[in-house]
Every structure is written in C-alpha cells, then in structure tokens.
PDB file of N, CA and C in Angstrom:
ATOM      1  N   MET A   1     -11.936 -25.499  74.117  1.00  0.00           N
ATOM      2  CA  MET A   1     -11.896 -26.382  75.119  1.00  0.00           C
ATOM      3  C   MET A   1     -13.063 -26.074  76.216  1.00  0.00           C
ATOM      4  N   SER A   2     -13.928 -26.655  76.479  1.00  0.00           N
ATOM      5  CA  SER A   2     -14.925 -26.448  77.545  1.00  0.00           C
ATOM      6  C   SER A   2     -14.187 -26.066  78.978  1.00  0.00           C
ATOM      7  N   THR A   3     -14.810 -25.048  79.641  1.00  0.00           N
ATOM      8  CA  THR A   3     -14.155 -24.813  81.021  1.00  0.00           C
ATOM      9  C   THR A   3     -15.226 -25.262  82.058  1.00  0.00           C
ATOM     10  N   LYS A   4     -16.083 -26.280  81.556  1.00  0.00           N
ATOM     11  CA  LYS A   4     -17.147 -26.663  82.515  1.00  0.00           C
ATOM     12  C   LYS A   4     -16.208 -27.664  83.372  1.00  0.00           C
ATOM     13  N   LYS A   5     -16.649 -27.635  84.756  1.00  0.00           N
ATOM     14  CA  LYS A   5     -15.783 -28.560  85.756  1.00  0.00           C
ATOM     15  C   LYS A   5     -16.915 -29.749  85.634  1.00  0.00           C
ATOM     16  N   MET A   6     -16.243 -31.044  85.778  1.00  0.00           N
ATOM     17  CA  MET A   6     -17.075 -32.102  85.714  1.00  0.00           C
ATOM     18  C   MET A   6     -17.737 -32.228  86.931  1.00  0.00           C
ATOM     19  N   LYS A   7     -19.195 -32.346  86.803  1.00  0.00           N
ATOM     20  CA  LYS A   7     -20.005 -32.494  87.695  1.00  0.00           C
ATOM     21  C   LYS A   7     -20.210 -33.974  88.270  1.00  0.00           C
ATOM     22  N   ILE A   8     -19.814 -34.158  89.617  1.00  0.00           N
ATOM     23  CA  ILE A   8     -20.139 -35.597  90.157  1.00  0.00           C
ATOM     24  C   ILE A   8     -21.145 -35.604  90.932  1.00  0.00           C
ATOM     25  N   MET A   9     -21.749 -34.706  91.610  1.00  0.00           N
ATOM     26  CA  MET A   9     -22.887 -34.613  92.406  1.00  0.00           C
ATOM     27  C   MET A   9     -23.922 -34.242  91.361  1.00  0.00           C
ATOM     28  N   MET A  10     -25.370 -34.643  91.687  1.00  0.00           N
ATOM     29  CA  MET A  10     -26.251 -34.247  90.966  1.00  0.00           C
ATOM     30  C   MET A  10     -27.505 -34.403  91.771  1.00  0.00           C
ATOM     31  N   PRO A  11     -28.376 -33.297  91.767  1.00  0.00           N
ATOM     32  CA  PRO A  11     -29.881 -33.270  92.722  1.00  0.00           C
ATOM     33  C   PRO A  11     -30.665 -34.344  92.167  1.00  0.00           C
ATOM     34  N   CYS A  12     -31.547 -34.842  93.251  1.00  0.00           N
ATOM     35  CA  CYS A  12     -32.434 -35.888  93.167  1.00  0.00           C
ATOM     36  C   CYS A  12     -33.287 -35.757  91.560  1.00  0.00           C
ATOM     37  N   GLU A  13     -33.673 -34.369  91.430  1.00  0.00           N
ATOM     38  CA  GLU A  13     -34.586 -34.275  90.252  1.00  0.00           C
ATOM     39  C   GLU A  13     -33.816 -34.490  88.788  1.00  0.00           C
ATOM     40  N   GLU A  14     -32.546 -34.196  88.883  1.00  0.00           N
ATOM     41  CA  GLU A  14     -31.744 -34.462  87.617  1.00  0.00           C
ATOM     42  C   GLU A  14     -31.506 -36.103  87.707  1.00  0.00           C
ATOM     43  N   ALA A  15     -31.373 -36.707  88.672  1.00  0.00           N
ATOM     44  CA  ALA A  15     -31.290 -38.078  88.807  1.00  0.00           C
ATOM     45  C   ALA A  15     -32.317 -39.020  88.325  1.00  0.00           C
ATOM     46  N   ASN A  16     -33.673 -38.496  88.815  1.00  0.00           N
ATOM     47  CA  ASN A  16     -34.668 -39.004  88.412  1.00  0.00           C
ATOM     48  C   ASN A  16     -34.821 -38.772  86.813  1.00  0.00           C
ATOM     49  N   HIS A  17     -34.471 -37.728  86.349  1.00  0.00           N
ATOM     50  CA  HIS A  17     -34.648 -37.538  84.829  1.00  0.00           C
ATOM     51  C   HIS A  17     -33.642 -38.415  84.033  1.00  0.00           C
ATOM     52  N   VAL A  18     -32.592 -38.457  84.380  1.00  0.00           N
ATOM     53  CA  VAL A  18     -31.374 -39.422  84.099  1.00  0.00           C
ATOM     54  C   VAL A  18     -32.122 -40.772  84.124  1.00  0.00           C
ATOM     55  N   CYS A  19     -32.625 -41.145  85.010  1.00  0.00           N
ATOM     56  CA  CYS A  19     -33.153 -42.490  85.256  1.00  0.00           C
ATOM     57  C   CYS A  19     -34.306 -42.919  84.245  1.00  0.00           C
ATOM     58  N   ASP A  20     -35.080 -41.842  84.010  1.00  0.00           N
ATOM     59  CA  ASP A  20     -36.003 -41.867  82.850  1.00  0.00           C
ATOM     60  C   ASP A  20     -35.428 -42.075  81.496  1.00  0.00           C
ATOM     61  N   LYS A  21     -34.228 -41.278  81.353  1.00  0.00           N
ATOM     62  CA  LYS A  21     -33.719 -41.267  79.895  1.00  0.00           C
ATOM     63  C   LYS A  21     -33.106 -42.792  79.736  1.00  0.00           C
ATOM     64  N   THR A  22     -32.308 -43.249  81.052  1.00  0.00           N
ATOM     65  CA  THR A  22     -31.836 -44.571  80.784  1.00  0.00           C
ATOM     66  C   THR A  22     -32.897 -45.477  80.599  1.00  0.00           C
ATOM     67  N   GLN A  23     -34.079 -45.650  80.918  1.00  0.00           N
ATOM     68  CA  GLN A  23     -35.247 -46.478  80.649  1.00  0.00           C
ATOM     69  C   GLN A  23     -35.273 -46.499  79.062  1.00  0.00           C
ATOM     70  N   TYR A  24     -35.205 -45.191  78.772  1.00  0.00           N
ATOM     71  CA  TYR A  24     -35.399 -45.298  77.045  1.00  0.00           C
ATOM     72  C   TYR A  24     -34.318 -45.258  76.255  1.00  0.00           C
ATOM     73  N   LYS A  25     -33.194 -45.677  76.818  1.00  0.00           N
ATOM     74  CA  LYS A  25     -31.854 -45.598  76.395  1.00  0.00           C
ATOM     75  C   LYS A  25     -31.222 -44.522  75.494  1.00  0.00           C
ATOM     76  N   GLU A  26     -31.703 -43.266  76.273  1.00  0.00           N
ATOM     77  CA  GLU A  26     -31.181 -42.031  75.881  1.00  0.00           C
ATOM     78  C   GLU A  26     -30.176 -41.440  76.786  1.00  0.00           C
ATOM     79  N   ALA A  27     -29.678 -41.934  77.887  1.00  0.00           N
ATOM     80  CA  ALA A  27     -28.650 -41.352  78.719  1.00  0.00           C
ATOM     81  C   ALA A  27     -27.295 -41.734  78.139  1.00  0.00           C
ATOM     82  N   THR A  28     -26.516 -40.683  78.118  1.00  0.00           N
ATOM     83  CA  THR A  28     -25.184 -40.865  77.826  1.00  0.00           C
ATOM     84  C   THR A  28     -24.258 -41.726  79.036  1.00  0.00           C
ATOM     85  N   LEU A  29     -23.129 -42.223  78.489  1.00  0.00           N
ATOM     86  CA  LEU A  29     -22.509 -42.904  79.499  1.00  0.00           C
ATOM     87  C   LEU A  29     -22.070 -42.200  80.831  1.00  0.00           C
ATOM     88  N   TRP A  30     -21.804 -41.002  80.660  1.00  0.00           N
ATOM     89  CA  TRP A  30     -21.401 -39.959  81.694  1.00  0.00           C
ATOM     90  C   TRP A  30     -22.614 -39.827  82.496  1.00  0.00           C
ATOM     91  N   GLU A  31     -23.801 -39.753  82.092  1.00  0.00           N
ATOM     92  CA  GLU A  31     -24.945 -39.668  82.920  1.00  0.00           C
ATOM     93  C   GLU A  31     -25.248 -40.816  83.595  1.00  0.00           C
ATOM     94  N   LYS A  32     -25.085 -42.014  83.057  1.00  0.00           N
ATOM     95  CA  LYS A  32     -25.044 -43.252  83.755  1.00  0.00           C
ATOM     96  C   LYS A  32     -24.178 -43.491  84.913  1.00  0.00           C
ATOM     97  N   ILE A  33     -23.001 -43.151  84.904  1.00  0.00           N
ATOM     98  CA  ILE A  33     -22.092 -43.139  85.851  1.00  0.00           C
ATOM     99  C   ILE A  33     -22.482 -42.348  86.950  1.00  0.00           C
ATOM    100  N   ILE A  34     -22.736 -41.185  86.797  1.00  0.00           N
ATOM    101  CA  ILE A  34     -22.997 -40.213  87.779  1.00  0.00           C
ATOM    102  C   ILE A  34     -24.289 -40.557  88.375  1.00  0.00           C
ATOM    103  N   LEU A  35     -25.379 -40.992  87.664  1.00  0.00           N
ATOM    104  CA  LEU A  35     -26.622 -41.678  88.268  1.00  0.00           C
ATOM    105  C   LEU A  35     -26.259 -42.626  89.214  1.00  0.00           C
ATOM    106  N   ASN A  36     -25.432 -43.640  88.805  1.00  0.00           N
ATOM    107  CA  ASN A  36     -25.122 -44.764  89.556  1.00  0.00           C
ATOM    108  C   ASN A  36     -24.347 -44.499  90.986  1.00  0.00           C
ATOM    109  N   ILE A  37     -23.591 -43.178  90.963  1.00  0.00           N
ATOM    110  CA  ILE A  37     -22.861 -42.506  92.083  1.00  0.00           C
ATOM    111  C   ILE A  37     -23.724 -42.229  92.991  1.00  0.00           C
ATOM    112  N   HIS A  38     -24.941 -41.605  92.483  1.00  0.00           N
ATOM    113  CA  HIS A  38     -25.934 -40.643  93.154  1.00  0.00           C
ATOM    114  C   HIS A  38     -26.847 -41.933  93.853  1.00  0.00           C
ATOM    115  N   LEU A  39     -27.041 -43.007  93.035  1.00  0.00           N
ATOM    116  CA  LEU A  39     -27.953 -43.908  93.867  1.00  0.00           C
ATOM    117  C   LEU A  39     -27.247 -44.704  94.769  1.00  0.00           C
ATOM    118  N   ILE A  40     -25.715 -44.687  94.978  1.00  0.00           N
ATOM    119  CA  ILE A  40     -25.071 -45.299  96.170  1.00  0.00           C
ATOM    120  C   ILE A  40     -25.435 -44.632  97.572  1.00  0.00           C
ATOM    121  N   TYR A  41     -25.684 -43.258  97.594  1.00  0.00           N
ATOM    122  CA  TYR A  41     -26.178 -42.499  98.791  1.00  0.00           C
ATOM    123  C   TYR A  41     -27.515 -42.154  98.903  1.00  0.00           C
ATOM    124  N   CYS A  42     -28.408 -42.336  97.775  1.00  0.00           N
ATOM    125  CA  CYS A  42     -29.711 -41.745  97.863  1.00  0.00           C
ATOM    126  C   CYS A  42     -30.830 -42.754  97.716  1.00  0.00           C
ATOM    127  N   ARG A  43     -31.185 -43.242  99.054  1.00  0.00           N
ATOM    128  CA  ARG A  43     -32.436 -44.248  99.129  1.00  0.00           C
ATOM    129  C   ARG A  43     -33.700 -44.018  98.267  1.00  0.00           C
ATOM    130  N   ALA A  44     -33.976 -42.567  98.231  1.00  0.00           N
ATOM    131  CA  ALA A  44     -35.212 -42.426  97.581  1.00  0.00           C
ATOM    132  C   ALA A  44     -35.239 -42.477  96.167  1.00  0.00           C
ATOM    133  N   CYS A  45     -34.066 -42.101  95.488  1.00  0.00           N
ATOM    134  CA  CYS A  45     -33.766 -42.418  93.919  1.00  0.00           C
ATOM    135  C   CYS A  45     -33.545 -43.881  93.706  1.00  0.00           C
ATOM    136  N   ARG A  46     -32.870 -44.569  94.929  1.00  0.00           N
ATOM    137  CA  ARG A  46     -33.034 -45.942  94.431  1.00  0.00           C
ATOM    138  C   ARG A  46     -34.362 -46.747  94.161  1.00  0.00           C
ATOM    139  N   LYS A  47     -35.124 -46.131  95.073  1.00  0.00           N
ATOM    140  CA  LYS A  47     -36.402 -46.755  95.125  1.00  0.00           C
ATOM    141  C   LYS A  47     -37.349 -46.075  93.884  1.00  0.00           C
ATOM    142  N   TYR A  48     -37.010 -44.802  93.486  1.00  0.00           N
ATOM    143  CA  TYR A  48     -37.713 -44.559  91.955  1.00  0.00           C
ATOM    144  C   TYR A  48     -37.013 -45.210  90.851  1.00  0.00           C
ATOM    145  N   SER A  49     -35.602 -45.396  90.859  1.00  0.00           N
ATOM    146  CA  SER A  49     -35.044 -46.412  89.894  1.00  0.00           C
ATOM    147  C   SER A  49     -35.736 -47.917  89.877  1.00  0.00           C
ATOM    148  N   LYS A  50     -35.751 -48.222  90.856  1.00  0.00           N
ATOM    149  CA  LYS A  50     -36.410 -49.628  91.164  1.00  0.00           C
ATOM    150  C   LYS A  50     -37.861 -49.685  90.336  1.00  0.00           C
ATOM    151  N   ASN A  51     -38.643 -48.769  90.969  1.00  0.00           N
ATOM    152  CA  ASN A  51     -39.968 -48.647  90.405  1.00  0.00           C
ATOM    153  C   ASN A  51     -39.817 -48.438  88.946  1.00  0.00           C
ATOM    154  N   ASN A  52     -39.098 -47.634  88.452  1.00  0.00           N
ATOM    155  CA  ASN A  52     -39.015 -47.345  86.936  1.00  0.00           C
ATOM    156  C   ASN A  52     -38.711 -48.603  86.106  1.00  0.00           C
ATOM    157  N   SER A  53     -37.809 -49.309  86.875  1.00  0.00           N
ATOM    158  CA  SER A  53     -37.643 -50.618  86.231  1.00  0.00           C
ATOM    159  C   SER A  53     -38.694 -51.808  86.122  1.00  0.00           C
ATOM    160  N   LYS A  54     -39.288 -51.735  87.053  1.00  0.00           N
ATOM    161  CA  LYS A  54     -40.385 -52.677  87.496  1.00  0.00           C
ATOM    162  C   LYS A  54     -41.642 -52.384  86.334  1.00  0.00           C
ATOM    163  N   LEU A  55     -41.827 -51.046  86.370  1.00  0.00           N
ATOM    164  CA  LEU A  55     -42.814 -50.461  85.315  1.00  0.00           C
ATOM    165  C   LEU A  55     -42.562 -50.610  83.872  1.00  0.00           C
ATOM    166  N   THR A  56     -41.231 -50.500  83.460  1.00  0.00           N
ATOM    167  CA  THR A  56     -40.748 -51.043  82.232  1.00  0.00           C
ATOM    168  C   THR A  56     -40.806 -52.414  81.859  1.00  0.00           C
ATOM    169  N   LYS A  57     -40.732 -53.220  82.668  1.00  0.00           N
ATOM    170  CA  LYS A  57     -40.681 -54.615  82.835  1.00  0.00           C
ATOM    171  C   LYS A  57     -42.284 -55.056  82.518  1.00  0.00           C
ATOM    172  N   LYS A  58     -43.163 -54.388  83.258  1.00  0.00           N
ATOM    173  CA  LYS A  58     -44.582 -54.808  82.915  1.00  0.00           C
ATOM    174  C   LYS A  58     -45.112 -54.273  81.814  1.00  0.00           C
ATOM    175  N   ILE A  59     -44.572 -53.103  81.112  1.00  0.00           N
ATOM    176  CA  ILE A  59     -45.115 -52.620  80.099  1.00  0.00           C
ATOM    177  C   ILE A  59     -44.740 -53.519  78.873  1.00  0.00           C
ATOM    178  N   LYS A  60     -43.533 -53.926  79.092  1.00  0.00           N
ATOM    179  CA  LYS A  60     -43.152 -54.954  77.799  1.00  0.00           C
ATOM    180  C   LYS A  60     -43.713 -56.279  77.958  1.00  0.00           C
ATOM    181  N   GLU A  61     -44.020 -56.657  79.158  1.00  0.00           N
ATOM    182  CA  GLU A  61     -44.871 -57.997  79.176  1.00  0.00           C
ATOM    183  C   GLU A  61     -46.268 -57.782  78.949  1.00  0.00           C
ATOM    184  N   ALA A  62     -46.776 -56.613  79.004  1.00  0.00           N
ATOM    185  CA  ALA A  62     -48.177 -56.589  78.674  1.00  0.00           C
ATOM    186  C   ALA A  62     -48.940 -56.655  77.219  1.00  0.00           C
ATOM    187  N   LYS A  63     -48.037 -56.990  76.246  1.00  0.00           N
ATOM    188  CA  LYS A  63     -48.355 -57.483  75.018  1.00  0.00           C
ATOM    189  C   LYS A  63     -49.545 -56.810  74.589  1.00  0.00           C
ATOM    190  N   VAL A  64     -49.602 -55.304  74.513  1.00  0.00           N
ATOM    191  CA  VAL A  64     -50.790 -54.317  74.305  1.00  0.00           C
ATOM    192  C   VAL A  64     -50.622 -54.097  72.489  1.00  0.00           C
ATOM    193  N   GLU A  65     -51.864 -54.324  72.042  1.00  0.00           N
ATOM    194  CA  GLU A  65     -52.046 -54.344  70.607  1.00  0.00           C
ATOM    195  C   GLU A  65     -52.531 -52.990  70.368  1.00  0.00           C
ATOM    196  N   CYS A  66     -51.854 -52.321  69.501  1.00  0.00           N
ATOM    197  CA  CYS A  66     -52.280 -50.884  69.205  1.00  0.00           C
ATOM    198  C   CYS A  66     -53.441 -51.147  67.920  1.00  0.00           C
ATOM    199  N   LEU A  67     -54.180 -49.918  67.834  1.00  0.00           N
ATOM    200  CA  LEU A  67     -55.052 -49.831  66.565  1.00  0.00           C
ATOM    201  C   LEU A  67     -54.409 -49.376  65.418  1.00  0.00           C
ATOM    202  N   GLU A  68     -54.993 -49.917  64.310  1.00  0.00           N
ATOM    203  CA  GLU A  68     -54.252 -49.545  63.108  1.00  0.00           C
ATOM    204  C   GLU A  68     -54.322 -48.140  62.792  1.00  0.00           C
ATOM    205  N   LYS A  69     -53.533 -47.384  61.905  1.00  0.00           N
ATOM    206  CA  LYS A  69     -53.645 -45.934  61.690  1.00  0.00           C
ATOM    207  C   LYS A  69     -54.999 -45.560  61.091  1.00  0.00           C
ATOM    208  N   LYS A  70     -55.517 -46.401  60.275  1.00  0.00           N
ATOM    209  CA  LYS A  70     -56.733 -46.156  59.414  1.00  0.00           C
ATOM    210  C   LYS A  70     -58.023 -46.168  60.552  1.00  0.00           C
ATOM    211  N   CYS A  71     -58.013 -47.027  61.352  1.00  0.00           N
ATOM    212  CA  CYS A  71     -59.080 -47.157  62.435  1.00  0.00           C
ATOM    213  C   CYS A  71     -58.963 -46.087  63.441  1.00  0.00           C
ATOM    214  N   LYS A  72     -57.750 -45.697  63.866  1.00  0.00           N
ATOM    215  CA  LYS A  72     -57.525 -44.409  64.521  1.00  0.00           C
ATOM    216  C   LYS A  72     -58.136 -43.243  63.859  1.00  0.00           C
ATOM    217  N   GLU A  73     -57.791 -42.962  62.599  1.00  0.00           N
ATOM    218  CA  GLU A  73     -58.228 -41.768  61.704  1.00  0.00           C
ATOM    219  C   GLU A  73     -59.894 -41.880  61.698  1.00  0.00           C
ATOM    220  N   SER A  74     -60.200 -43.014  61.496  1.00  0.00           N
ATOM    221  CA  SER A  74     -61.904 -43.283  61.447  1.00  0.00           C
ATOM    222  C   SER A  74     -62.431 -42.996  62.746  1.00  0.00           C
ATOM    223  N   MET A  75     -61.805 -43.277  63.978  1.00  0.00           N
ATOM    224  CA  MET A  75     -62.620 -42.637  65.236  1.00  0.00           C
ATOM    225  C   MET A  75     -62.266 -41.164  65.574  1.00  0.00           C
ATOM    226  N   LYS A  76     -61.201 -40.725  64.842  1.00  0.00           N
ATOM    227  CA  LYS A  76     -60.876 -39.078  65.284  1.00  0.00           C
ATOM    228  C   LYS A  76     -62.234 -38.463  64.085  1.00  0.00           C
ATOM    229  N   LYS A  77     -62.334 -38.985  63.223  1.00  0.00           N
ATOM    230  CA  LYS A  77     -63.427 -38.231  62.374  1.00  0.00           C
ATOM    231  C   LYS A  77     -64.853 -38.334  62.815  1.00  0.00           C
ATOM    232  N   GLU A  78     -64.989 -39.567  63.266  1.00  0.00           N
ATOM    233  CA  GLU A  78     -66.044 -39.812  63.882  1.00  0.00           C
ATOM    234  C   GLU A  78     -66.535 -39.018  65.143  1.00  0.00           C
ATOM    235  N   LEU A  79     -65.367 -39.000  65.963  1.00  0.00           N
ATOM    236  CA  LEU A  79     -65.584 -38.097  67.201  1.00  0.00           C
ATOM    237  C   LEU A  79     -65.773 -36.462  66.867  1.00  0.00           C
ATOM    238  N   THR A  80     -64.912 -35.935  65.770  1.00  0.00           N
ATOM    239  CA  THR A  80     -64.893 -34.636  65.325  1.00  0.00           C
ATOM    240  C   THR A  80     -66.355 -34.305  64.779  1.00  0.00           C
ATOM    241  N   ASP A  81     -66.753 -35.053  64.026  1.00  0.00           N
ATOM    242  CA  ASP A  81     -68.084 -35.203  63.448  1.00  0.00           C
ATOM    243  C   ASP A  81     -69.164 -34.947  64.675  1.00  0.00           C
ATOM    244  N   ALA A  82     -69.177 -35.884  65.625  1.00  0.00           N
ATOM    245  CA  ALA A  82     -70.098 -35.901  66.747  1.00  0.00           C
ATOM    246  C   ALA A  82     -69.922 -34.558  67.427  1.00  0.00           C
ATOM    247  N   ILE A  83     -68.811 -33.964  67.720  1.00  0.00           N
ATOM    248  CA  ILE A  83     -68.772 -32.818  68.334  1.00  0.00           C
ATOM    249  C   ILE A  83     -69.160 -31.643  67.622  1.00  0.00           C
ATOM    250  N   ASN A  84     -68.818 -31.631  66.262  1.00  0.00           N
ATOM    251  CA  ASN A  84     -69.434 -30.484  65.548  1.00  0.00           C
ATOM    252  C   ASN A  84     -71.017 -30.664  65.428  1.00  0.00           C
ATOM    253  N   GLN A  85     -71.456 -31.843  65.352  1.00  0.00           N
ATOM    254  CA  GLN A  85     -72.989 -32.020  65.328  1.00  0.00           C
ATOM    255  C   GLN A  85     -73.599 -31.313  66.775  1.00  0.00           C
ATOM    256  N   HIS A  86     -72.709 -31.464  68.124  1.00  0.00           N
ATOM    257  CA  HIS A  86     -73.351 -31.286  69.164  1.00  0.00           C
ATOM    258  C   HIS A  86     -73.272 -29.788  69.444  1.00  0.00           C
ATOM    259  N   THR A  87     -72.324 -29.353  69.030  1.00  0.00           N
ATOM    260  CA  THR A  87     -71.984 -27.679  69.088  1.00  0.00           C
ATOM    261  C   THR A  87     -72.839 -26.956  68.414  1.00  0.00           C
ATOM    262  N   ASN A  88     -73.385 -27.462  66.975  1.00  0.00           N
ATOM    263  CA  ASN A  88     -74.415 -26.817  66.237  1.00  0.00           C
ATOM    264  C   ASN A  88     -75.676 -26.771  66.548  1.00  0.00           C
TER     265      ASN A  88
END
C-alpha cells in the first residue's frame, strides 16, 4: 500500500503541465480533478488553460497538409548532399 498523501494543492508549473497533458488526452482523472481545483483559485493558470484551448481549436481548424514520407526523405537527402558539397 502506498504511503503517499493525496495531494490536493499543486504549484502553477505542475498545473500548466497537467493542462498540456489534458490537451493531448494524456492526463489521468485525478490530475484533471486537481487541475480544476487549482483553476478555481488561480487566475494565471485559468488564462493559460483558456489560451491552450484556443490554440488546440485553431490547430484542428487549420487543415494543414503534411508532406508524404518519400517527399520528406528526398528533401532530407538533397539537403544533406548540399551540406556535404558546401563543407568539402
């Protein structure tokens, strides 16, 4: 059995980390509960959380298209070749 005490208060740095984890759906239920308690009394972290949510929404709306793997590998090879030619 763990002898750890249940921690209800968290520092802002940890709250911001849990906020980030929540954004990527990596936070545990307990972390989310403690984060919400922290957000009740911390205006700075509420603002951080709000901005994080806005950023996530904008990224999802961006409809960014990524290069195919073959294209990336070709570009990487061309860059490596150019660097090698320049340094020799």
